Protein backbone atom coordinates (compact mmCIF):
# COMPACT_ATOMS: atom_id res chain seq x y z
CA MET A 1 81.56 8.01 -73.34
CA GLN A 2 80.26 5.42 -75.79
CA THR A 3 76.73 5.97 -74.73
CA TYR A 4 77.09 9.74 -75.30
CA ALA A 5 78.56 9.35 -78.81
CA GLY A 6 75.79 6.99 -79.80
CA ASN A 7 73.17 9.44 -78.68
CA GLU A 8 74.73 12.26 -80.76
CA SER A 9 74.77 10.14 -83.90
CA HIS A 10 71.21 9.08 -83.28
CA ARG A 11 70.12 12.67 -82.96
CA ARG A 12 72.04 13.93 -86.00
CA PHE A 13 70.64 11.35 -88.44
CA PRO A 14 66.98 12.34 -88.17
CA LEU A 15 68.00 16.00 -88.64
CA ILE A 16 69.93 15.24 -91.81
CA ARG A 17 67.09 13.09 -93.06
CA LEU A 18 64.65 15.89 -92.34
CA LEU A 19 66.81 18.34 -94.23
CA LEU A 20 67.02 15.98 -97.15
CA ILE A 21 63.28 15.49 -97.18
CA LEU A 22 62.73 19.25 -97.03
CA GLY A 23 65.23 19.71 -99.86
CA VAL A 24 63.45 17.12 -101.96
CA ILE A 25 60.11 18.79 -101.27
CA ALA A 26 61.53 22.22 -102.12
CA PHE A 27 63.02 20.88 -105.33
CA ALA A 28 59.73 19.21 -106.21
CA VAL A 29 57.85 22.41 -105.51
CA TRP A 30 60.26 24.29 -107.76
CA PHE A 31 60.65 21.63 -110.43
CA ALA A 32 57.19 20.09 -110.70
CA PRO A 33 55.42 23.18 -112.07
CA ARG A 34 58.12 23.54 -114.68
CA VAL A 35 57.62 19.94 -115.69
CA LEU A 36 53.86 20.04 -115.57
CA ASP A 37 53.54 23.45 -117.32
CA ARG A 38 52.94 22.43 -120.92
CA THR A 39 50.50 25.21 -121.79
CA PRO A 40 51.85 27.71 -124.37
CA PRO A 41 51.66 31.40 -123.49
CA SER A 42 48.98 33.58 -125.10
CA LEU A 43 50.23 36.00 -127.75
CA SER A 44 48.69 39.14 -129.22
CA VAL A 45 50.28 41.21 -131.99
CA GLU A 46 49.11 44.69 -133.01
CA GLY A 47 50.36 46.86 -135.83
CA LEU A 48 50.32 44.17 -138.53
CA GLU A 49 47.47 42.73 -140.56
CA PRO A 50 47.64 39.90 -143.12
CA GLY A 51 47.94 41.48 -146.56
CA GLY A 52 48.43 44.95 -145.05
CA ARG A 53 50.63 47.56 -146.71
CA TYR A 54 53.36 49.25 -144.69
CA ARG A 55 56.03 51.86 -145.14
CA GLY A 56 58.80 53.48 -143.10
CA VAL A 57 59.20 52.27 -139.53
CA VAL A 58 56.35 49.97 -138.46
CA SER A 59 55.61 49.77 -134.73
CA ILE A 60 54.79 46.14 -133.84
CA ALA A 61 53.17 45.88 -130.39
CA ILE A 62 53.53 42.44 -128.79
CA THR A 63 51.57 41.37 -125.69
CA GLY A 64 52.17 38.08 -123.91
CA GLU A 65 50.58 36.32 -120.95
CA ASP A 66 51.44 33.05 -119.19
CA SER A 67 49.67 31.84 -116.03
CA GLY A 68 52.30 29.15 -115.38
CA GLN A 69 55.99 29.91 -115.11
CA GLY A 70 55.74 33.28 -116.79
CA LEU A 71 57.24 34.67 -119.97
CA ASP A 72 60.76 34.34 -121.29
CA MET A 73 61.51 35.59 -124.81
CA VAL A 74 60.05 37.16 -127.96
CA ARG A 75 61.74 36.47 -131.27
CA VAL A 76 60.93 38.36 -134.49
CA THR A 77 61.98 37.12 -137.93
CA ARG A 78 61.47 38.25 -141.54
CA ASP A 79 61.33 35.48 -144.15
CA GLY A 80 63.11 33.26 -141.61
CA GLN A 81 65.91 35.77 -141.00
CA PHE A 82 66.52 36.94 -137.45
CA LEU A 83 65.44 40.51 -136.70
CA ALA A 84 65.21 40.82 -132.92
CA GLU A 85 65.13 38.93 -129.63
CA ILE A 86 63.51 40.62 -126.63
CA ARG A 87 63.62 39.27 -123.05
CA LEU A 88 60.32 39.40 -121.13
CA GLN A 89 59.65 38.99 -117.42
CA GLY A 90 56.58 38.21 -115.35
CA LYS A 91 53.34 36.53 -116.18
CA GLN A 92 52.17 39.39 -118.39
CA ALA A 93 54.23 41.82 -120.42
CA ARG A 94 54.04 44.10 -123.45
CA THR A 95 56.84 45.26 -125.71
CA THR A 96 57.16 47.13 -128.99
CA TYR A 97 59.49 46.33 -131.85
CA PRO A 98 60.17 49.06 -134.47
CA TRP A 99 60.47 47.27 -137.82
CA ASP A 100 62.36 49.51 -140.23
CA THR A 101 61.30 48.84 -143.83
CA THR A 102 63.09 51.77 -145.46
CA SER A 103 66.01 49.69 -146.75
CA LEU A 104 63.79 46.96 -148.20
CA SER A 105 62.58 46.61 -151.76
CA ASP A 106 58.84 46.91 -152.26
CA GLY A 107 57.24 43.49 -152.11
CA VAL A 108 55.72 40.74 -149.95
CA TYR A 109 57.43 39.62 -146.72
CA LEU A 110 56.61 37.05 -144.07
CA ILE A 111 56.91 38.42 -140.53
CA GLN A 112 56.84 35.86 -137.70
CA VAL A 113 56.58 36.64 -134.00
CA GLU A 114 57.36 33.78 -131.58
CA LEU A 115 56.82 34.01 -127.81
CA THR A 116 58.26 31.36 -125.41
CA ASP A 117 57.52 30.79 -121.74
CA ALA A 118 59.90 30.08 -118.84
CA SER A 119 59.01 26.38 -118.40
CA ILE A 120 61.69 23.74 -119.05
CA TRP A 121 59.76 22.83 -122.20
CA HIS A 122 59.98 26.42 -123.50
CA LYS A 123 56.47 26.18 -124.89
CA SER A 124 55.83 28.82 -127.55
CA SER A 125 53.10 30.59 -129.49
CA ARG A 126 53.55 32.03 -132.96
CA ALA A 127 51.85 34.65 -135.12
CA GLN A 128 52.80 35.28 -138.72
CA PHE A 129 51.76 37.82 -141.30
CA ASP A 130 52.26 38.06 -145.05
CA VAL A 131 52.60 41.83 -145.48
CA ILE A 132 53.42 44.18 -148.32
CA VAL A 133 56.19 46.72 -148.00
CA ASP A 134 55.46 49.80 -150.10
CA ASN A 135 57.67 52.85 -149.75
CA THR A 136 56.96 54.24 -153.23
CA PRO A 137 54.52 57.17 -153.63
CA PRO A 138 51.67 56.64 -156.12
CA GLU A 139 51.93 58.13 -159.58
CA ILE A 140 48.91 60.38 -160.02
CA ALA A 141 47.39 62.50 -162.78
CA LEU A 142 44.70 65.17 -162.47
CA LEU A 143 42.00 65.82 -165.07
CA SER A 144 38.86 67.99 -165.12
CA VAL A 145 35.39 68.06 -166.72
CA PRO A 146 34.83 70.51 -168.28
CA GLU A 147 38.38 71.64 -169.01
CA ASN A 148 37.70 75.18 -167.79
CA ALA A 149 35.26 76.63 -165.27
CA ILE A 150 32.49 79.22 -165.54
CA GLN A 151 30.95 81.29 -162.76
CA GLY A 152 27.96 79.44 -161.29
CA GLN A 153 28.83 76.14 -162.96
CA THR A 154 30.06 72.78 -161.66
CA ILE A 155 33.47 71.38 -162.48
CA SER A 156 34.51 67.81 -161.72
CA PHE A 157 38.10 66.73 -161.01
CA PHE A 158 39.41 63.19 -161.46
CA VAL A 159 42.56 61.76 -159.88
CA LYS A 160 44.00 58.73 -161.67
CA SER A 161 46.69 56.59 -160.06
CA ASP A 162 48.88 53.62 -160.89
CA GLU A 163 47.75 51.93 -157.66
CA THR A 164 44.79 51.88 -155.28
CA LEU A 165 44.36 55.12 -153.36
CA ARG A 166 43.21 55.36 -149.77
CA LYS A 167 42.42 59.06 -149.80
CA ALA A 168 42.69 62.23 -151.88
CA GLU A 169 41.88 65.83 -151.07
CA GLY A 170 42.18 69.04 -153.02
CA SER A 171 42.54 72.76 -152.51
CA PHE A 172 40.82 75.13 -154.94
CA LEU A 173 39.52 78.69 -154.65
CA ASP A 174 40.68 78.77 -151.00
CA ARG A 175 38.53 75.74 -150.15
CA LYS A 176 39.33 72.21 -149.06
CA ILE A 177 37.79 69.77 -151.52
CA PRO A 178 37.03 66.12 -150.56
CA PHE A 179 37.42 63.34 -153.15
CA PHE A 180 35.11 60.34 -153.31
CA SER A 181 35.16 56.65 -154.27
CA SER A 182 38.28 54.52 -154.13
CA GLY A 183 40.50 52.33 -156.25
CA THR A 184 42.79 53.80 -158.87
CA ARG A 185 40.40 56.64 -159.71
CA MET A 186 38.74 59.19 -157.44
CA ARG A 187 36.41 62.09 -158.25
CA THR A 188 35.14 65.28 -156.73
CA PHE A 189 32.75 68.06 -157.68
CA VAL A 190 33.42 71.75 -157.15
CA GLY A 191 30.73 74.41 -157.28
CA ILE A 192 32.03 77.71 -158.66
CA GLN A 193 30.61 80.76 -156.87
CA HIS A 194 28.56 83.02 -159.12
CA ASN A 195 30.67 86.00 -158.01
CA ALA A 196 34.13 84.38 -158.14
CA ASN A 197 36.62 86.57 -159.96
CA ALA A 198 37.52 85.46 -163.47
CA GLY A 199 41.14 84.40 -163.89
CA THR A 200 43.49 81.44 -163.64
CA TYR A 201 43.50 79.35 -160.47
CA ARG A 202 45.49 76.38 -159.22
CA MET A 203 43.86 73.13 -158.20
CA GLU A 204 46.24 71.18 -155.95
CA VAL A 205 45.57 67.56 -154.98
CA ARG A 206 47.25 65.34 -152.42
CA ALA A 207 46.73 61.59 -152.68
CA TRP A 208 47.72 58.72 -150.39
CA ASP A 209 48.07 55.05 -151.27
CA LEU A 210 47.10 52.18 -148.97
CA ALA A 211 50.52 52.25 -147.29
CA GLY A 212 50.28 55.98 -146.58
CA ASN A 213 52.73 57.17 -149.25
CA GLU A 214 51.81 60.66 -150.42
CA ASN A 215 52.09 62.46 -153.73
CA VAL A 216 51.01 65.92 -154.87
CA THR A 217 49.90 67.15 -158.26
CA GLN A 218 48.28 70.30 -159.57
CA MET A 219 46.74 71.89 -162.63
CA GLN A 220 45.79 75.38 -163.76
CA VAL A 221 42.08 76.06 -164.26
CA VAL A 222 40.81 79.05 -166.22
CA LEU A 223 37.68 80.57 -164.67
CA LYS A 224 35.49 82.53 -167.05
CA LYS A 225 32.61 84.94 -166.46
CA GLY A 226 29.06 83.66 -166.63
CA ASP A 227 26.36 85.15 -168.85
CA PHE A 228 23.86 86.42 -166.28
CA LYS A 229 20.74 88.48 -166.94
CA THR A 230 19.00 91.17 -164.96
CA GLY A 231 15.27 90.93 -164.15
CA ARG A 232 12.68 92.93 -162.25
CA VAL A 233 10.47 91.51 -159.49
CA ASN A 234 7.52 93.41 -158.04
CA LEU A 235 6.68 92.29 -154.51
CA SER A 236 3.65 93.19 -152.44
CA GLN A 237 4.25 95.26 -149.30
CA LYS A 238 3.93 92.11 -147.14
CA LYS A 239 6.38 90.11 -149.24
CA ARG A 240 8.73 93.08 -149.55
CA SER A 241 9.07 93.21 -145.77
CA LEU A 242 10.82 89.81 -145.90
CA LEU A 243 13.76 91.48 -147.66
CA THR A 244 14.60 93.44 -144.53
CA ASP A 245 13.46 91.00 -141.84
CA ARG A 246 16.84 89.85 -140.55
CA ASP A 247 15.48 87.33 -138.07
CA LYS A 248 13.42 85.50 -140.70
CA LYS A 249 16.28 85.59 -143.20
CA GLN A 250 18.65 84.17 -140.60
CA THR A 251 16.22 81.40 -139.64
CA ASN A 252 15.77 80.55 -143.32
CA ARG A 253 19.53 80.49 -143.91
CA GLU A 254 20.39 78.44 -140.80
CA ARG A 255 17.81 75.71 -141.42
CA ARG A 256 18.97 75.21 -144.98
CA ALA A 257 22.66 75.32 -144.00
CA GLN A 258 22.06 72.56 -141.43
CA ALA A 259 20.44 70.36 -144.06
CA LEU A 260 23.33 70.93 -146.47
CA GLU A 261 26.00 70.22 -143.85
CA THR A 262 26.33 66.46 -144.32
CA SER A 263 26.16 64.46 -147.53
CA SER A 264 26.44 60.75 -148.26
CA SER A 265 29.89 59.75 -149.53
CA ARG A 266 28.33 57.50 -152.18
CA GLN A 267 26.80 58.63 -155.46
CA ILE A 268 23.04 58.27 -155.01
CA TRP A 269 21.89 59.91 -158.24
CA ASN A 270 21.65 57.97 -161.48
CA GLY A 271 22.56 59.49 -164.84
CA LEU A 272 21.41 62.90 -166.02
CA PHE A 273 19.10 65.02 -163.89
CA LYS A 274 15.54 65.62 -165.05
CA LYS A 275 13.63 68.89 -165.14
CA PRO A 276 11.38 68.61 -162.05
CA THR A 277 8.16 70.13 -163.38
CA ARG A 278 6.27 71.51 -166.39
CA GLY A 279 5.88 75.19 -167.06
CA VAL A 280 7.46 78.39 -168.34
CA THR A 281 10.98 79.33 -167.24
CA THR A 282 10.65 82.85 -165.88
CA SER A 283 14.12 83.28 -164.40
CA THR A 284 17.43 81.48 -164.82
CA PHE A 285 20.43 81.00 -162.57
CA GLY A 286 22.53 84.05 -161.78
CA ALA A 287 19.93 86.64 -162.77
CA ARG A 288 20.47 89.95 -160.98
CA ARG A 289 17.20 90.73 -159.20
CA VAL A 290 15.71 94.21 -159.06
CA TYR A 291 12.92 94.61 -156.50
CA ASN A 292 10.38 97.44 -156.95
CA SER A 293 12.76 100.32 -156.23
CA GLY A 294 14.95 99.64 -159.25
CA VAL A 295 18.01 98.79 -157.15
CA VAL A 296 19.69 95.42 -157.59
CA ARG A 297 19.04 93.66 -154.29
CA SER A 298 19.97 90.02 -154.87
CA VAL A 299 21.15 87.33 -157.26
CA HIS A 300 18.76 84.57 -158.27
CA LEU A 301 20.52 81.28 -157.51
CA GLY A 302 18.22 78.80 -159.22
CA TRP A 303 15.61 78.32 -161.92
CA ASP A 304 12.04 79.62 -161.67
CA ILE A 305 9.45 77.55 -163.53
CA ALA A 306 5.93 79.00 -163.47
CA ASN A 307 2.65 77.09 -163.80
CA ARG A 308 -0.72 76.92 -162.09
CA LYS A 309 -0.98 76.18 -158.38
CA GLY A 310 -0.99 72.44 -157.67
CA THR A 311 1.18 71.46 -160.64
CA ASP A 312 3.10 68.26 -159.83
CA VAL A 313 6.76 68.60 -158.79
CA PHE A 314 9.06 65.59 -159.19
CA ALA A 315 12.49 64.64 -157.84
CA ALA A 316 15.14 65.61 -160.38
CA ASN A 317 17.10 62.48 -159.50
CA ASP A 318 17.48 59.73 -156.89
CA GLY A 319 18.19 61.09 -153.43
CA ILE A 320 17.41 61.27 -149.73
CA VAL A 321 15.13 63.93 -148.24
CA VAL A 322 17.15 66.04 -145.78
CA LEU A 323 14.70 68.95 -145.38
CA ALA A 324 10.95 69.14 -145.83
CA GLU A 325 9.37 72.11 -144.02
CA GLU A 326 8.03 75.64 -144.34
CA LEU A 327 10.61 78.44 -144.21
CA PRO A 328 10.10 82.22 -144.13
CA ILE A 329 11.76 83.01 -147.48
CA HIS A 330 11.60 79.75 -149.45
CA GLY A 331 8.15 78.79 -148.19
CA ASN A 332 7.39 75.07 -148.29
CA ASN A 333 10.85 73.77 -149.13
CA ILE A 334 12.37 70.35 -149.92
CA LEU A 335 16.10 69.56 -150.10
CA LEU A 336 17.39 66.25 -151.49
CA ASP A 337 20.87 64.83 -150.88
CA HIS A 338 22.16 63.10 -154.02
CA GLY A 339 25.48 62.14 -152.42
CA GLN A 340 29.07 63.37 -152.74
CA GLY A 341 28.10 66.93 -151.83
CA VAL A 342 25.40 67.30 -154.51
CA PHE A 343 21.94 68.57 -153.44
CA SER A 344 18.80 69.80 -155.18
CA GLY A 345 16.13 72.10 -153.73
CA TYR A 346 12.42 72.76 -154.46
CA ALA A 347 10.91 75.93 -152.98
CA HIS A 348 7.58 77.85 -152.71
CA LEU A 349 5.57 74.61 -152.83
CA ASN A 350 1.90 74.51 -152.05
CA GLU A 351 2.24 70.94 -150.69
CA ILE A 352 5.10 68.80 -149.42
CA LEU A 353 4.50 65.09 -150.08
CA VAL A 354 7.68 63.59 -148.57
CA SER A 355 9.34 63.50 -145.15
CA VAL A 356 12.92 63.83 -143.94
CA GLY A 357 14.74 60.51 -144.33
CA ASP A 358 12.66 59.29 -147.28
CA ASP A 359 14.49 57.68 -150.21
CA VAL A 360 13.12 59.06 -153.47
CA GLN A 361 13.69 58.06 -157.07
CA LYS A 362 14.12 60.23 -160.15
CA GLY A 363 10.70 61.30 -161.38
CA GLN A 364 8.92 60.53 -158.09
CA LEU A 365 6.19 62.98 -157.05
CA ILE A 366 7.48 64.94 -154.03
CA GLY A 367 5.28 68.06 -153.92
CA ARG A 368 2.96 70.46 -155.69
CA MET A 369 3.69 73.93 -157.01
CA GLY A 370 2.56 76.99 -155.05
CA THR A 371 3.45 80.52 -154.03
CA THR A 372 4.51 80.22 -150.38
CA GLY A 373 7.31 82.30 -148.85
CA GLN A 374 8.82 85.22 -150.80
CA SER A 375 6.98 84.62 -154.07
CA THR A 376 4.94 86.74 -156.49
CA GLY A 377 2.96 83.89 -158.05
CA SER A 378 2.69 80.17 -158.44
CA HIS A 379 6.05 78.77 -159.49
CA LEU A 380 8.83 76.33 -158.53
CA HIS A 381 12.20 77.66 -157.50
CA TRP A 382 14.53 74.77 -158.45
CA GLU A 383 18.10 74.96 -157.23
CA MET A 384 21.23 72.86 -156.86
CA PHE A 385 24.21 72.97 -154.50
CA VAL A 386 27.64 71.41 -154.87
CA GLN A 387 29.77 71.31 -151.71
CA GLY A 388 27.46 73.98 -150.28
CA VAL A 389 27.81 76.35 -153.26
CA PRO A 390 24.71 77.23 -155.34
CA VAL A 391 25.20 76.20 -158.99
CA ASP A 392 23.20 76.30 -162.21
CA PRO A 393 20.89 73.23 -162.36
CA ALA A 394 20.74 73.42 -166.18
CA GLN A 395 24.26 72.02 -166.48
CA TRP A 396 23.20 68.82 -164.68
CA LEU A 397 20.45 68.22 -167.28
CA THR A 398 23.06 67.60 -170.01
CA GLN A 399 26.28 66.64 -168.22
CA ASP A 400 26.74 63.60 -165.98
CA PHE A 401 30.50 64.00 -165.27
CA ARG A 402 31.11 60.28 -165.66
CA SER A 403 34.47 60.49 -167.41
CA PRO A 404 37.26 63.00 -167.86
């Protein structure tokens, strides 16, 4: 009996010792990483930028990653005051906190996001942002130059604000009108169609500040009739056929429309425009054209300046060449982009001396006068477009639209 009991005790002791050793190992396996994990988790915050302006409910996206014990908690504070605490699980997680600014006064606030891991040290990473809360719409005023509009002319609108604007856009004569530049003052140009009906029209402008607050203003614009003349043009049989050649007219129209489609958002031109050549003005903008038969067939949408073949033609202002090729109606034709939707055109040239993409300066030689395309003699057809609408170039010789 004694021998038996001694054997049982002897057998039980190694088993208990083994269990203790295994327990210690298990505890070490569980505990050691938590002790050794002293690396903070990685933290990424989207939706906030230092110095950014925000309004309404701001969605703050928080992404965390920890290769050790995983993630534990995200804490969000504003100027040290508790806003939210969000539990995270796993080694990688993403959460979104909707920060409601609507009850706050406009001003600067410090937002801090702190992410802790699940180690016993609770290592953390922080991101903080000084941001501006702005829930107040901008105060805006709308002015125009000139005060009223005339058929075939250009009118410029200015938006003035009490704070920096991010964007402004207008609606006038059933068209969307883009505004340019930035800061507390933005400007746009509107070309008035030569055949727009006289009357009173509303220009409505929406403007947004840097935080996205929106305001709307409007003004009434009186549109008056233009003083247009009627002239007679005698075309040869060959040139007269261009009037009824639909394919050539369509090709001519499409190529020019493509060139006028995109304009630089910056003002490229400098000061007043300059008359592009020497000679006699034989037709002005808006003249009603009578061709041979005595029936009014078209409206002349530019200036015709006649001189001998080969007379130098210069750029009316600084710009970028967006078209330089021969077309069925306009002959050898150049179009320059002056920025902000303003273009000038030079048609019926004998020679083209520039290429698409060239930067040209005011007064630079770009071509020589000729009689190509639908033309009765050597002359330059000089034209201007504003937001795709043909306008009288003469106005741009005396008015630079710099201030309201």
